């Protein structure tokens, strides 16, 4: 049972989905996800571009 709203769930997983203890956050844009697989998929699209070479003039 959710302590905030009183909604009851048959399985503990339902409550975890309803009220996650620690949502997983993207370090680049702040988007939050309940599952690490969804965060990983998001990170593949959201990561900043990698620039292996530096400009010699900058």
N, C-alpha and C. Protein backbone atom coordinates (compact mmCIF):
# COMPACT_ATOMS: atom_id res chain seq x y z
N UNK A 1 0.85 -1.19 0.00
CA UNK A 1 0.00 0.00 0.00
C UNK A 1 0.89 1.25 0.00
N UNK A 2 0.55 2.18 -0.88
CA UNK A 2 1.31 3.43 -0.96
C UNK A 2 0.96 4.30 0.25
N UNK A 3 1.99 4.76 0.96
CA UNK A 3 1.77 5.60 2.14
C UNK A 3 1.30 7.00 1.76
N UNK A 4 1.61 7.44 0.55
CA UNK A 4 1.23 8.79 0.13
C UNK A 4 -0.23 8.89 -0.31
N UNK A 5 -0.70 7.91 -1.11
CA UNK A 5 -2.06 8.01 -1.65
C UNK A 5 -2.98 6.89 -1.19
N UNK A 6 -2.45 5.82 -0.58
CA UNK A 6 -3.28 4.73 -0.08
C UNK A 6 -3.60 3.65 -1.10
N UNK A 7 -3.11 3.77 -2.32
CA UNK A 7 -3.40 2.77 -3.34
C UNK A 7 -2.73 1.45 -2.97
N UNK A 8 -3.49 0.34 -3.11
CA UNK A 8 -2.98 -0.98 -2.75
C UNK A 8 -2.55 -1.74 -4.00
N UNK A 9 -1.55 -2.58 -3.85
CA UNK A 9 -1.02 -3.38 -4.95
C UNK A 9 -0.93 -4.84 -4.52
N UNK A 10 -1.21 -5.75 -5.46
CA UNK A 10 -1.15 -7.18 -5.17
C UNK A 10 0.30 -7.66 -5.06
N UNK A 11 1.18 -7.05 -5.83
CA UNK A 11 2.59 -7.44 -5.85
C UNK A 11 3.46 -6.26 -5.40
N UNK A 12 4.55 -6.52 -4.70
CA UNK A 12 5.45 -5.43 -4.29
C UNK A 12 6.02 -4.64 -5.48
N UNK A 13 6.17 -5.30 -6.62
CA UNK A 13 6.71 -4.61 -7.80
C UNK A 13 5.79 -3.49 -8.25
N UNK A 14 4.50 -3.66 -8.06
CA UNK A 14 3.55 -2.61 -8.43
C UNK A 14 3.78 -1.34 -7.63
N UNK A 15 4.04 -1.49 -6.35
CA UNK A 15 4.31 -0.33 -5.51
C UNK A 15 5.64 0.32 -5.89
N UNK A 16 6.66 -0.47 -6.19
CA UNK A 16 7.96 0.09 -6.60
C UNK A 16 7.81 0.89 -7.89
N UNK A 17 6.96 0.40 -8.79
CA UNK A 17 6.75 1.10 -10.06
C UNK A 17 5.96 2.39 -9.81
N UNK A 18 4.99 2.34 -8.90
CA UNK A 18 4.15 3.49 -8.59
C UNK A 18 4.94 4.59 -7.89
N UNK A 19 5.80 4.20 -6.99
CA UNK A 19 6.54 5.16 -6.17
C UNK A 19 7.99 4.71 -6.03
N UNK A 20 8.82 4.95 -7.06
CA UNK A 20 10.20 4.49 -6.99
C UNK A 20 10.97 5.18 -5.87
N UNK A 21 11.83 4.40 -5.21
CA UNK A 21 12.64 4.97 -4.13
C UNK A 21 13.69 5.93 -4.67
N UNK A 22 14.39 5.51 -5.71
CA UNK A 22 15.42 6.34 -6.29
C UNK A 22 15.36 6.23 -7.80
N UNK A 23 14.69 7.17 -8.47
CA UNK A 23 14.68 7.10 -9.93
C UNK A 23 16.10 7.32 -10.46
N UNK A 24 16.38 6.70 -11.57
CA UNK A 24 17.70 6.80 -12.19
C UNK A 24 17.72 8.03 -13.08
N UNK A 25 18.68 8.90 -12.90
CA UNK A 25 18.72 10.15 -13.65
C UNK A 25 19.83 10.20 -14.68
N UNK A 26 19.54 10.88 -15.77
CA UNK A 26 20.53 11.11 -16.82
C UNK A 26 21.45 12.24 -16.36
N UNK A 27 22.77 12.03 -16.37
CA UNK A 27 23.69 13.09 -15.94
C UNK A 27 23.80 14.24 -16.94
N UNK A 28 23.29 14.04 -18.16
CA UNK A 28 23.42 15.06 -19.20
C UNK A 28 22.22 15.99 -19.28
N UNK A 29 21.00 15.43 -19.12
CA UNK A 29 19.81 16.27 -19.30
C UNK A 29 18.85 16.22 -18.11
N UNK A 30 19.07 15.33 -17.15
CA UNK A 30 18.21 15.26 -15.98
C UNK A 30 16.97 14.42 -16.13
N UNK A 31 16.76 13.76 -17.26
CA UNK A 31 15.61 12.87 -17.42
C UNK A 31 15.71 11.73 -16.41
N UNK A 32 14.57 11.26 -15.90
CA UNK A 32 14.56 10.22 -14.88
C UNK A 32 13.88 8.96 -15.40
N UNK A 33 14.39 7.80 -14.99
CA UNK A 33 13.87 6.51 -15.44
C UNK A 33 13.78 5.56 -14.26
N UNK A 34 12.82 4.64 -14.32
CA UNK A 34 12.64 3.66 -13.26
C UNK A 34 13.57 2.46 -13.44
N UNK A 35 13.90 2.14 -14.68
CA UNK A 35 14.70 0.95 -14.96
C UNK A 35 16.01 1.33 -15.63
N UNK A 36 17.06 0.63 -15.25
CA UNK A 36 18.39 0.92 -15.78
C UNK A 36 18.47 0.67 -17.28
N UNK A 37 17.69 -0.29 -17.80
CA UNK A 37 17.73 -0.56 -19.24
C UNK A 37 17.19 0.63 -20.03
N UNK A 38 16.19 1.30 -19.48
CA UNK A 38 15.65 2.48 -20.17
C UNK A 38 16.61 3.66 -20.07
N UNK A 39 17.30 3.78 -18.95
CA UNK A 39 18.32 4.82 -18.82
C UNK A 39 19.45 4.56 -19.81
N UNK A 40 19.87 3.30 -19.94
CA UNK A 40 20.96 2.96 -20.87
C UNK A 40 20.56 3.29 -22.30
N UNK A 41 19.33 2.99 -22.67
CA UNK A 41 18.86 3.30 -24.03
C UNK A 41 18.86 4.81 -24.24
N UNK A 42 18.41 5.55 -23.24
CA UNK A 42 18.39 7.01 -23.33
C UNK A 42 19.81 7.56 -23.45
N UNK A 43 20.74 7.02 -22.67
CA UNK A 43 22.11 7.53 -22.68
C UNK A 43 22.79 7.35 -24.03
N UNK A 44 22.43 6.30 -24.76
CA UNK A 44 23.02 6.11 -26.09
C UNK A 44 22.65 7.26 -27.02
N UNK A 45 21.47 7.85 -26.83
CA UNK A 45 21.03 8.94 -27.69
C UNK A 45 21.36 10.31 -27.10
N UNK A 46 21.55 10.40 -25.80
CA UNK A 46 21.67 11.70 -25.13
C UNK A 46 23.10 12.10 -24.80
N UNK A 47 24.05 11.21 -24.94
CA UNK A 47 25.41 11.56 -24.51
C UNK A 47 26.00 12.66 -25.39
N UNK A 48 26.84 13.48 -24.81
CA UNK A 48 27.46 14.56 -25.59
C UNK A 48 28.42 13.98 -26.62
N UNK A 49 28.62 14.68 -27.72
CA UNK A 49 29.52 14.16 -28.75
C UNK A 49 30.96 14.06 -28.25
N UNK A 50 31.64 13.01 -28.67
CA UNK A 50 33.03 12.81 -28.29
C UNK A 50 33.92 13.44 -29.35
N UNK A 51 34.83 14.28 -28.90
CA UNK A 51 35.76 14.94 -29.82
C UNK A 51 37.17 14.48 -29.47
N UNK A 52 37.68 13.46 -30.17
CA UNK A 52 38.98 12.91 -29.81
C UNK A 52 40.17 13.82 -30.13
N UNK A 53 39.95 14.81 -30.98
CA UNK A 53 41.06 15.69 -31.36
C UNK A 53 40.77 17.11 -30.91
N UNK A 54 41.82 17.80 -30.46
CA UNK A 54 41.68 19.20 -30.07
C UNK A 54 42.20 20.08 -31.18
N UNK A 55 41.61 21.24 -31.29
CA UNK A 55 42.07 22.22 -32.26
C UNK A 55 43.42 22.77 -31.77
N UNK A 56 44.46 22.76 -32.61
CA UNK A 56 45.78 23.23 -32.16
C UNK A 56 45.81 24.74 -31.89
N UNK A 57 44.84 25.48 -32.39
CA UNK A 57 44.82 26.93 -32.19
C UNK A 57 44.04 27.33 -30.93
N UNK A 58 43.22 26.45 -30.43
CA UNK A 58 42.40 26.81 -29.25
C UNK A 58 43.14 26.42 -28.02
